[in-house]
All heavy atoms as atom14 arrays in JSON, in Angstrom:
{
  "sequence": "LQWKEWKMPPSSCSKRKNVQLHPVPVHRLGRGTSGLLLCAKTKLAKV",
  "atom14_mask": [
    [1, 1, 1, 1, 1, 1, 1, 1, 0, 0, 0, 0, 0, 0],
    [1, 1, 1, 1, 1, 1, 1, 1, 1, 0, 0, 0, 0, 0],
    [1, 1, 1, 1, 1, 1, 1, 1, 1, 1, 1, 1, 1, 1],
    [1, 1, 1, 1, 1, 1, 1, 1, 1, 0, 0, 0, 0, 0],
    [1, 1, 1, 1, 1, 1, 1, 1, 1, 0, 0, 0, 0, 0],
    [1, 1, 1, 1, 1, 1, 1, 1, 1, 1, 1, 1, 1, 1],
    [1, 1, 1, 1, 1, 1, 1, 1, 1, 0, 0, 0, 0, 0],
    [1, 1, 1, 1, 1, 1, 1, 1, 0, 0, 0, 0, 0, 0],
    [1, 1, 1, 1, 1, 1, 1, 0, 0, 0, 0, 0, 0, 0],
    [1, 1, 1, 1, 1, 1, 1, 0, 0, 0, 0, 0, 0, 0],
    [1, 1, 1, 1, 1, 1, 0, 0, 0, 0, 0, 0, 0, 0],
    [1, 1, 1, 1, 1, 1, 0, 0, 0, 0, 0, 0, 0, 0],
    [1, 1, 1, 1, 1, 1, 0, 0, 0, 0, 0, 0, 0, 0],
    [1, 1, 1, 1, 1, 1, 0, 0, 0, 0, 0, 0, 0, 0],
    [1, 1, 1, 1, 1, 1, 1, 1, 1, 0, 0, 0, 0, 0],
    [1, 1, 1, 1, 1, 1, 1, 1, 1, 1, 1, 0, 0, 0],
    [1, 1, 1, 1, 1, 1, 1, 1, 1, 0, 0, 0, 0, 0],
    [1, 1, 1, 1, 1, 1, 1, 1, 0, 0, 0, 0, 0, 0],
    [1, 1, 1, 1, 1, 1, 1, 0, 0, 0, 0, 0, 0, 0],
    [1, 1, 1, 1, 1, 1, 1, 1, 1, 0, 0, 0, 0, 0],
    [1, 1, 1, 1, 1, 1, 1, 1, 0, 0, 0, 0, 0, 0],
    [1, 1, 1, 1, 1, 1, 1, 1, 1, 1, 0, 0, 0, 0],
    [1, 1, 1, 1, 1, 1, 1, 0, 0, 0, 0, 0, 0, 0],
    [1, 1, 1, 1, 1, 1, 1, 0, 0, 0, 0, 0, 0, 0],
    [1, 1, 1, 1, 1, 1, 1, 0, 0, 0, 0, 0, 0, 0],
    [1, 1, 1, 1, 1, 1, 1, 0, 0, 0, 0, 0, 0, 0],
    [1, 1, 1, 1, 1, 1, 1, 1, 1, 1, 0, 0, 0, 0],
    [1, 1, 1, 1, 1, 1, 1, 1, 1, 1, 1, 0, 0, 0],
    [1, 1, 1, 1, 1, 1, 1, 1, 0, 0, 0, 0, 0, 0],
    [1, 1, 1, 1, 0, 0, 0, 0, 0, 0, 0, 0, 0, 0],
    [1, 1, 1, 1, 1, 1, 1, 1, 1, 1, 1, 0, 0, 0],
    [1, 1, 1, 1, 0, 0, 0, 0, 0, 0, 0, 0, 0, 0],
    [1, 1, 1, 1, 1, 1, 1, 0, 0, 0, 0, 0, 0, 0],
    [1, 1, 1, 1, 1, 1, 0, 0, 0, 0, 0, 0, 0, 0],
    [1, 1, 1, 1, 0, 0, 0, 0, 0, 0, 0, 0, 0, 0],
    [1, 1, 1, 1, 1, 1, 1, 1, 0, 0, 0, 0, 0, 0],
    [1, 1, 1, 1, 1, 1, 1, 1, 0, 0, 0, 0, 0, 0],
    [1, 1, 1, 1, 1, 1, 1, 1, 0, 0, 0, 0, 0, 0],
    [1, 1, 1, 1, 1, 1, 0, 0, 0, 0, 0, 0, 0, 0],
    [1, 1, 1, 1, 1, 0, 0, 0, 0, 0, 0, 0, 0, 0],
    [1, 1, 1, 1, 1, 1, 1, 1, 1, 0, 0, 0, 0, 0],
    [1, 1, 1, 1, 1, 1, 1, 0, 0, 0, 0, 0, 0, 0],
    [1, 1, 1, 1, 1, 1, 1, 1, 1, 0, 0, 0, 0, 0],
    [1, 1, 1, 1, 1, 1, 1, 1, 0, 0, 0, 0, 0, 0],
    [1, 1, 1, 1, 1, 0, 0, 0, 0, 0, 0, 0, 0, 0],
    [1, 1, 1, 1, 1, 1, 1, 1, 1, 0, 0, 0, 0, 0],
    [1, 1, 1, 1, 1, 1, 1, 0, 0, 0, 0, 0, 0, 0]
  ],
  "atom14_positions": [
    [[133.03, 169.72, -32.95], [134.31, 169.89, -33.62], [135.14, 170.98, -32.93], [136.37, 170.89, -32.86], [134.12, 170.23, -35.09], [133.55, 169.13, -35.97], [133.2, 169.66, -37.34], [134.52, 167.96, -36.09], [0.0, 0.0, 0.0], [0.0, 0.0, 0.0], [0.0, 0.0, 0.0], [0.0, 0.0, 0.0], [0.0, 0.0, 0.0], [0.0, 0.0, 0.0]],
    [[134.45, 172.02, -32.42], [135.14, 173.11, -31.73], [135.66, 172.66, -30.37], [136.68, 173.15, -29.91], [134.21, 174.3, -31.57], [133.88, 174.96, -32.9], [132.75, 175.95, -32.8], [131.95, 175.94, -31.86], [132.65, 176.81, -33.82], [0.0, 0.0, 0.0], [0.0, 0.0, 0.0], [0.0, 0.0, 0.0], [0.0, 0.0, 0.0], [0.0, 0.0, 0.0]],
    [[134.95, 171.78, -29.68], [135.32, 171.37, -28.33], [136.43, 170.32, -28.3], [137.23, 170.29, -27.39], [134.13, 170.8, -27.6], [133.03, 171.77, -27.38], [133.13, 173.13, -27.27], [131.64, 171.48, -27.26], [131.89, 173.69, -27.08], [130.96, 172.72, -27.07], [130.89, 170.32, -27.3], [129.59, 172.78, -26.91], [129.5, 170.4, -27.13], [128.88, 171.63, -26.94]],
    [[136.47, 169.45, -29.28], [137.42, 168.34, -29.28], [138.82, 168.84, -29.66], [138.97, 169.76, -30.45], [136.98, 167.26, -30.27], [137.8, 165.99, -30.3], [137.18, 165.02, -31.25], [137.86, 163.71, -31.45], [139.11, 163.41, -30.96], [0.0, 0.0, 0.0], [0.0, 0.0, 0.0], [0.0, 0.0, 0.0], [0.0, 0.0, 0.0], [0.0, 0.0, 0.0]],
    [[139.84, 168.22, -29.12], [141.22, 168.54, -29.53], [141.57, 167.62, -30.71], [141.46, 166.41, -30.63], [142.18, 168.28, -28.37], [142.07, 169.35, -27.3], [143.22, 169.29, -26.35], [144.34, 168.89, -26.75], [143.0, 169.66, -25.17], [0.0, 0.0, 0.0], [0.0, 0.0, 0.0], [0.0, 0.0, 0.0], [0.0, 0.0, 0.0], [0.0, 0.0, 0.0]],
    [[141.99, 168.25, -31.8], [142.33, 167.53, -33.01], [143.81, 167.6, -33.28], [144.47, 168.54, -32.89], [141.56, 168.12, -34.21], [140.09, 167.97, -34.07], [139.22, 168.88, -33.53], [139.29, 166.87, -34.45], [137.95, 168.39, -33.58], [137.96, 167.15, -34.12], [139.59, 165.63, -35.04], [136.92, 166.27, -34.37], [138.56, 164.75, -35.29], [137.24, 165.08, -34.94]],
    [[144.3, 166.64, -34.02], [145.7, 166.67, -34.49], [145.67, 167.54, -35.73], [145.45, 167.07, -36.83], [146.19, 165.28, -34.79], [146.29, 164.36, -33.6], [146.68, 162.96, -34.04], [145.4, 162.15, -34.14], [145.55, 160.81, -34.65], [0.0, 0.0, 0.0], [0.0, 0.0, 0.0], [0.0, 0.0, 0.0], [0.0, 0.0, 0.0], [0.0, 0.0, 0.0]],
    [[145.9, 168.83, -35.53], [145.86, 169.78, -36.64], [147.25, 169.91, -37.22], [148.24, 169.83, -36.51], [145.33, 171.12, -36.2], [143.92, 171.09, -35.64], [142.7, 170.56, -36.85], [142.53, 172.01, -37.84], [0.0, 0.0, 0.0], [0.0, 0.0, 0.0], [0.0, 0.0, 0.0], [0.0, 0.0, 0.0], [0.0, 0.0, 0.0], [0.0, 0.0, 0.0]],
    [[147.37, 170.11, -38.55], [148.69, 170.3, -39.14], [149.33, 171.56, -38.59], [148.64, 172.54, -38.32], [148.41, 170.38, -40.63], [146.96, 170.71, -40.74], [146.3, 170.19, -39.52], [0.0, 0.0, 0.0], [0.0, 0.0, 0.0], [0.0, 0.0, 0.0], [0.0, 0.0, 0.0], [0.0, 0.0, 0.0], [0.0, 0.0, 0.0], [0.0, 0.0, 0.0]],
    [[150.67, 171.56, -38.43], [151.33, 172.77, -37.93], [151.21, 173.95, -38.88], [151.35, 173.79, -40.09], [152.8, 172.34, -37.78], [152.94, 171.12, -38.67], [151.59, 170.47, -38.75], [0.0, 0.0, 0.0], [0.0, 0.0, 0.0], [0.0, 0.0, 0.0], [0.0, 0.0, 0.0], [0.0, 0.0, 0.0], [0.0, 0.0, 0.0], [0.0, 0.0, 0.0]],
    [[150.88, 175.12, -38.34], [150.69, 176.29, -39.2], [152.0, 176.81, -39.77], [152.02, 177.56, -40.73], [149.99, 177.4, -38.41], [150.73, 177.73, -37.28], [0.0, 0.0, 0.0], [0.0, 0.0, 0.0], [0.0, 0.0, 0.0], [0.0, 0.0, 0.0], [0.0, 0.0, 0.0], [0.0, 0.0, 0.0], [0.0, 0.0, 0.0], [0.0, 0.0, 0.0]],
    [[153.12, 176.4, -39.16], [154.43, 176.89, -39.63], [154.9, 176.1, -40.86], [155.8, 176.56, -41.57], [155.47, 176.71, -38.52], [155.54, 175.36, -38.14], [0.0, 0.0, 0.0], [0.0, 0.0, 0.0], [0.0, 0.0, 0.0], [0.0, 0.0, 0.0], [0.0, 0.0, 0.0], [0.0, 0.0, 0.0], [0.0, 0.0, 0.0], [0.0, 0.0, 0.0]],
    [[154.28, 175.0, -41.15], [154.67, 174.2, -42.32], [154.24, 174.9, -43.59], [153.09, 175.27, -43.76], [154.01, 172.81, -42.22], [154.46, 171.71, -43.58], [0.0, 0.0, 0.0], [0.0, 0.0, 0.0], [0.0, 0.0, 0.0], [0.0, 0.0, 0.0], [0.0, 0.0, 0.0], [0.0, 0.0, 0.0], [0.0, 0.0, 0.0], [0.0, 0.0, 0.0]],
    [[155.16, 175.11, -44.51], [154.87, 175.88, -45.71], [153.79, 175.24, -46.59], [153.06, 175.93, -47.27], [156.14, 176.1, -46.52], [156.68, 174.85, -46.93], [0.0, 0.0, 0.0], [0.0, 0.0, 0.0], [0.0, 0.0, 0.0], [0.0, 0.0, 0.0], [0.0, 0.0, 0.0], [0.0, 0.0, 0.0], [0.0, 0.0, 0.0], [0.0, 0.0, 0.0]],
    [[153.71, 173.92, -46.59], [152.69, 173.23, -47.38], [151.32, 173.36, -46.76], [150.31, 173.14, -47.41], [153.02, 171.75, -47.5], [154.21, 171.45, -48.37], [154.39, 169.94, -48.47], [155.58, 169.6, -49.31], [155.79, 168.15, -49.38], [0.0, 0.0, 0.0], [0.0, 0.0, 0.0], [0.0, 0.0, 0.0], [0.0, 0.0, 0.0], [0.0, 0.0, 0.0]],
    [[151.22, 173.69, -45.5], [149.95, 173.72, -44.76], [149.52, 175.11, -44.4], [149.19, 175.39, -43.28], [150.08, 172.85, -43.49], [150.49, 171.46, -43.74], [149.31, 170.73, -44.35], [149.72, 169.37, -44.66], [149.2, 168.69, -45.62], [148.26, 169.17, -46.4], [149.6, 167.44, -45.87], [0.0, 0.0, 0.0], [0.0, 0.0, 0.0], [0.0, 0.0, 0.0]],
    [[149.52, 176.01, -45.33], [149.06, 177.38, -45.07], [147.57, 177.37, -44.79], [146.84, 176.47, -45.21], [149.38, 178.28, -46.24], [150.84, 178.55, -46.43], [151.08, 179.49, -47.58], [152.57, 179.72, -47.72], [152.87, 180.57, -48.86], [0.0, 0.0, 0.0], [0.0, 0.0, 0.0], [0.0, 0.0, 0.0], [0.0, 0.0, 0.0], [0.0, 0.0, 0.0]],
    [[147.11, 178.4, -44.11], [145.69, 178.58, -43.81], [145.07, 177.48, -42.97], [143.97, 177.03, -43.22], [144.89, 178.72, -45.14], [145.36, 179.89, -45.98], [145.69, 180.91, -45.45], [145.43, 179.66, -47.27], [0.0, 0.0, 0.0], [0.0, 0.0, 0.0], [0.0, 0.0, 0.0], [0.0, 0.0, 0.0], [0.0, 0.0, 0.0], [0.0, 0.0, 0.0]],
    [[145.8, 177.03, -41.95], [145.28, 176.04, -41.04], [144.19, 176.66, -40.2], [144.29, 177.79, -39.75], [146.4, 175.48, -40.14], [145.85, 174.56, -39.08], [147.43, 174.77, -40.99], [0.0, 0.0, 0.0], [0.0, 0.0, 0.0], [0.0, 0.0, 0.0], [0.0, 0.0, 0.0], [0.0, 0.0, 0.0], [0.0, 0.0, 0.0], [0.0, 0.0, 0.0]],
    [[143.09, 175.95, -39.99], [141.98, 176.42, -39.17], [142.19, 175.97, -37.72], [143.0, 175.12, -37.45], [140.68, 175.85, -39.74], [140.48, 176.27, -41.17], [139.26, 175.63, -41.84], [138.59, 176.31, -42.53], [138.99, 174.37, -41.61], [0.0, 0.0, 0.0], [0.0, 0.0, 0.0], [0.0, 0.0, 0.0], [0.0, 0.0, 0.0], [0.0, 0.0, 0.0]],
    [[141.4, 176.53, -36.8], [141.51, 176.17, -35.4], [140.92, 174.79, -35.14], [141.3, 174.11, -34.19], [140.8, 177.21, -34.54], [141.4, 178.61, -34.59], [140.52, 179.59, -33.81], [142.82, 178.59, -34.07], [0.0, 0.0, 0.0], [0.0, 0.0, 0.0], [0.0, 0.0, 0.0], [0.0, 0.0, 0.0], [0.0, 0.0, 0.0], [0.0, 0.0, 0.0]],
    [[139.96, 174.37, -35.92], [139.3, 173.08, -35.79], [138.72, 172.69, -37.15], [138.52, 173.56, -38.01], [138.18, 173.16, -34.71], [137.19, 174.21, -35.03], [136.14, 174.01, -35.9], [137.05, 175.47, -34.56], [135.44, 175.11, -36.01], [135.97, 176.03, -35.18], [0.0, 0.0, 0.0], [0.0, 0.0, 0.0], [0.0, 0.0, 0.0], [0.0, 0.0, 0.0]],
    [[138.43, 171.42, -37.35], [137.8, 171.03, -38.62], [136.42, 171.67, -38.76], [135.74, 171.92, -37.76], [137.68, 169.49, -38.49], [138.66, 169.1, -37.43], [138.76, 170.27, -36.48], [0.0, 0.0, 0.0], [0.0, 0.0, 0.0], [0.0, 0.0, 0.0], [0.0, 0.0, 0.0], [0.0, 0.0, 0.0], [0.0, 0.0, 0.0], [0.0, 0.0, 0.0]],
    [[136.02, 171.9, -40.01], [134.69, 172.43, -40.3], [134.01, 171.56, -41.36], [134.68, 171.08, -42.26], [134.73, 173.92, -40.75], [135.23, 174.82, -39.67], [135.62, 174.05, -42.01], [0.0, 0.0, 0.0], [0.0, 0.0, 0.0], [0.0, 0.0, 0.0], [0.0, 0.0, 0.0], [0.0, 0.0, 0.0], [0.0, 0.0, 0.0], [0.0, 0.0, 0.0]],
    [[132.69, 171.37, -41.25], [131.98, 170.57, -42.25], [132.04, 171.24, -43.62], [131.96, 172.46, -43.73], [130.53, 170.56, -41.72], [130.63, 170.9, -40.27], [131.82, 171.81, -40.15], [0.0, 0.0, 0.0], [0.0, 0.0, 0.0], [0.0, 0.0, 0.0], [0.0, 0.0, 0.0], [0.0, 0.0, 0.0], [0.0, 0.0, 0.0], [0.0, 0.0, 0.0]],
    [[132.17, 170.42, -44.66], [132.19, 170.99, -46.03], [130.89, 170.73, -46.77], [130.71, 171.19, -47.88], [133.38, 170.43, -46.85], [134.69, 170.87, -46.25], [133.33, 168.93, -46.97], [0.0, 0.0, 0.0], [0.0, 0.0, 0.0], [0.0, 0.0, 0.0], [0.0, 0.0, 0.0], [0.0, 0.0, 0.0], [0.0, 0.0, 0.0], [0.0, 0.0, 0.0]],
    [[129.99, 170.01, -46.13], [128.66, 169.79, -46.69], [127.72, 169.51, -45.5], [128.2, 169.48, -44.36], [128.63, 168.62, -47.68], [128.92, 167.29, -47.06], [127.94, 166.38, -46.81], [130.1, 166.73, -46.67], [128.51, 165.29, -46.25], [129.8, 165.48, -46.15], [0.0, 0.0, 0.0], [0.0, 0.0, 0.0], [0.0, 0.0, 0.0], [0.0, 0.0, 0.0]],
    [[126.46, 169.34, -45.76], [125.51, 169.08, -44.67], [124.74, 167.79, -44.93], [124.57, 167.37, -46.06], [124.51, 170.23, -44.56], [125.12, 171.51, -44.06], [124.11, 172.57, -43.99], [123.59, 172.87, -45.34], [122.64, 173.73, -45.6], [122.06, 174.39, -44.64], [122.25, 173.94, -46.83], [0.0, 0.0, 0.0], [0.0, 0.0, 0.0], [0.0, 0.0, 0.0]],
    [[124.34, 167.22, -43.83], [123.37, 166.13, -43.85], [122.24, 166.57, -42.96], [122.5, 167.14, -41.9], [123.98, 164.82, -43.32], [125.07, 164.18, -44.15], [125.67, 163.0, -43.39], [124.54, 163.74, -45.5], [0.0, 0.0, 0.0], [0.0, 0.0, 0.0], [0.0, 0.0, 0.0], [0.0, 0.0, 0.0], [0.0, 0.0, 0.0], [0.0, 0.0, 0.0]],
    [[121.02, 166.35, -43.33], [119.89, 166.74, -42.53], [119.95, 166.16, -41.12], [120.57, 165.1, -40.92], [0.0, 0.0, 0.0], [0.0, 0.0, 0.0], [0.0, 0.0, 0.0], [0.0, 0.0, 0.0], [0.0, 0.0, 0.0], [0.0, 0.0, 0.0], [0.0, 0.0, 0.0], [0.0, 0.0, 0.0], [0.0, 0.0, 0.0], [0.0, 0.0, 0.0]],
    [[119.31, 166.81, -40.18], [119.34, 166.36, -38.78], [118.89, 164.91, -38.66], [119.43, 164.12, -37.89], [118.48, 167.28, -37.9], [118.59, 166.91, -36.44], [118.02, 168.0, -35.55], [116.82, 168.62, -35.99], [115.6, 168.32, -35.54], [115.43, 167.4, -34.62], [114.54, 168.92, -36.0], [0.0, 0.0, 0.0], [0.0, 0.0, 0.0], [0.0, 0.0, 0.0]],
    [[117.89, 164.51, -39.44], [117.38, 163.14, -39.38], [118.17, 162.15, -40.18], [117.84, 160.95, -40.2], [0.0, 0.0, 0.0], [0.0, 0.0, 0.0], [0.0, 0.0, 0.0], [0.0, 0.0, 0.0], [0.0, 0.0, 0.0], [0.0, 0.0, 0.0], [0.0, 0.0, 0.0], [0.0, 0.0, 0.0], [0.0, 0.0, 0.0], [0.0, 0.0, 0.0]],
    [[119.19, 162.59, -40.88], [119.96, 161.72, -41.75], [121.26, 161.29, -41.05], [121.95, 162.12, -40.45], [120.33, 162.46, -43.05], [119.12, 162.91, -43.67], [121.07, 161.56, -44.0], [0.0, 0.0, 0.0], [0.0, 0.0, 0.0], [0.0, 0.0, 0.0], [0.0, 0.0, 0.0], [0.0, 0.0, 0.0], [0.0, 0.0, 0.0], [0.0, 0.0, 0.0]],
    [[121.57, 160.04, -41.13], [122.87, 159.54, -40.62], [123.76, 159.29, -41.82], [123.28, 159.07, -42.93], [122.67, 158.27, -39.8], [122.18, 157.25, -40.62], [0.0, 0.0, 0.0], [0.0, 0.0, 0.0], [0.0, 0.0, 0.0], [0.0, 0.0, 0.0], [0.0, 0.0, 0.0], [0.0, 0.0, 0.0], [0.0, 0.0, 0.0], [0.0, 0.0, 0.0]],
    [[125.08, 159.32, -41.59], [125.97, 159.02, -42.69], [127.32, 159.69, -42.57], [127.65, 160.3, -41.55], [0.0, 0.0, 0.0], [0.0, 0.0, 0.0], [0.0, 0.0, 0.0], [0.0, 0.0, 0.0], [0.0, 0.0, 0.0], [0.0, 0.0, 0.0], [0.0, 0.0, 0.0], [0.0, 0.0, 0.0], [0.0, 0.0, 0.0], [0.0, 0.0, 0.0]],
    [[128.07, 159.58, -43.63], [129.44, 160.09, -43.68], [129.43, 161.61, -43.87], [128.79, 162.11, -44.77], [130.18, 159.43, -44.86], [131.65, 159.72, -45.0], [132.43, 159.06, -43.87], [132.15, 159.21, -46.32], [0.0, 0.0, 0.0], [0.0, 0.0, 0.0], [0.0, 0.0, 0.0], [0.0, 0.0, 0.0], [0.0, 0.0, 0.0], [0.0, 0.0, 0.0]],
    [[130.12, 162.31, -42.96], [130.23, 163.76, -43.06], [131.7, 164.15, -43.17], [132.5, 163.77, -42.31], [129.6, 164.41, -41.82], [129.61, 165.92, -41.76], [128.64, 166.5, -42.79], [129.27, 166.41, -40.38], [0.0, 0.0, 0.0], [0.0, 0.0, 0.0], [0.0, 0.0, 0.0], [0.0, 0.0, 0.0], [0.0, 0.0, 0.0], [0.0, 0.0, 0.0]],
    [[132.06, 164.87, -44.21], [133.45, 165.29, -44.42], [133.67, 166.66, -43.82], [132.87, 167.57, -44.02], [133.79, 165.3, -45.9], [133.67, 163.99, -46.64], [134.07, 164.15, -48.11], [134.49, 162.91, -45.98], [0.0, 0.0, 0.0], [0.0, 0.0, 0.0], [0.0, 0.0, 0.0], [0.0, 0.0, 0.0], [0.0, 0.0, 0.0], [0.0, 0.0, 0.0]],
    [[134.79, 166.81, -43.08], [135.17, 168.06, -42.46], [136.59, 168.38, -42.84], [137.46, 167.49, -42.84], [135.04, 167.95, -40.93], [133.38, 167.53, -40.4], [0.0, 0.0, 0.0], [0.0, 0.0, 0.0], [0.0, 0.0, 0.0], [0.0, 0.0, 0.0], [0.0, 0.0, 0.0], [0.0, 0.0, 0.0], [0.0, 0.0, 0.0], [0.0, 0.0, 0.0]],
    [[136.85, 169.65, -43.14], [138.18, 170.09, -43.56], [138.96, 170.67, -42.41], [138.41, 171.39, -41.58], [138.03, 171.13, -44.69], [0.0, 0.0, 0.0], [0.0, 0.0, 0.0], [0.0, 0.0, 0.0], [0.0, 0.0, 0.0], [0.0, 0.0, 0.0], [0.0, 0.0, 0.0], [0.0, 0.0, 0.0], [0.0, 0.0, 0.0], [0.0, 0.0, 0.0]],
    [[140.28, 170.38, -42.41], [141.16, 170.91, -41.38], [141.88, 172.18, -41.85], [142.41, 172.93, -41.05], [142.21, 169.88, -40.98], [141.66, 168.74, -40.19], [142.8, 167.84, -39.77], [142.4, 166.82, -38.74], [143.55, 166.02, -38.31], [0.0, 0.0, 0.0], [0.0, 0.0, 0.0], [0.0, 0.0, 0.0], [0.0, 0.0, 0.0], [0.0, 0.0, 0.0]],
    [[141.93, 172.38, -43.15], [142.6, 173.57, -43.71], [141.63, 174.3, -44.63], [140.67, 173.71, -45.14], [143.86, 173.18, -44.51], [143.46, 172.43, -45.68], [144.86, 172.4, -43.69], [0.0, 0.0, 0.0], [0.0, 0.0, 0.0], [0.0, 0.0, 0.0], [0.0, 0.0, 0.0], [0.0, 0.0, 0.0], [0.0, 0.0, 0.0], [0.0, 0.0, 0.0]],
    [[141.91, 175.58, -44.85], [141.02, 176.35, -45.73], [141.12, 175.84, -47.15], [140.14, 175.8, -47.88], [141.42, 177.84, -45.65], [141.04, 178.43, -44.3], [141.43, 179.89, -44.21], [141.12, 180.41, -42.8], [141.54, 181.77, -42.62], [0.0, 0.0, 0.0], [0.0, 0.0, 0.0], [0.0, 0.0, 0.0], [0.0, 0.0, 0.0], [0.0, 0.0, 0.0]],
    [[142.32, 175.41, -47.58], [142.49, 174.87, -48.92], [141.7, 173.59, -49.1], [141.01, 173.41, -50.09], [143.99, 174.63, -49.18], [144.31, 174.04, -50.56], [143.87, 174.97, -51.68], [145.8, 173.74, -50.66], [0.0, 0.0, 0.0], [0.0, 0.0, 0.0], [0.0, 0.0, 0.0], [0.0, 0.0, 0.0], [0.0, 0.0, 0.0], [0.0, 0.0, 0.0]],
    [[141.72, 172.72, -48.11], [140.93, 171.48, -48.16], [139.47, 171.81, -48.2], [138.69, 171.14, -48.92], [141.26, 170.57, -46.97], [0.0, 0.0, 0.0], [0.0, 0.0, 0.0], [0.0, 0.0, 0.0], [0.0, 0.0, 0.0], [0.0, 0.0, 0.0], [0.0, 0.0, 0.0], [0.0, 0.0, 0.0], [0.0, 0.0, 0.0], [0.0, 0.0, 0.0]],
    [[139.03, 172.79, -47.43], [137.61, 173.18, -47.42], [137.14, 173.62, -48.8], [136.09, 173.18, -49.29], [137.36, 174.28, -46.4], [135.94, 174.72, -46.31], [135.78, 175.85, -45.32], [134.35, 176.35, -45.32], [134.16, 177.48, -44.43], [0.0, 0.0, 0.0], [0.0, 0.0, 0.0], [0.0, 0.0, 0.0], [0.0, 0.0, 0.0], [0.0, 0.0, 0.0]],
    [[137.94, 174.45, -49.44], [137.6, 174.95, -50.79], [137.56, 173.81, -51.8], [136.63, 173.71, -52.58], [138.6, 176.04, -51.21], [138.44, 176.4, -52.68], [138.41, 177.28, -50.37], [0.0, 0.0, 0.0], [0.0, 0.0, 0.0], [0.0, 0.0, 0.0], [0.0, 0.0, 0.0], [0.0, 0.0, 0.0], [0.0, 0.0, 0.0], [0.0, 0.0, 0.0]]
  ]
}
């Protein structure tokens, strides 16, 4: 997630405060588990 370039929301947009540099996982799946993993692009979305 840190290496890839993402379409991140502009930090200047008033609705999009607290934009992160890259998406971050909001939960975990075990290394041996495959499946859907959700990652947040903003601090508000992460919370």
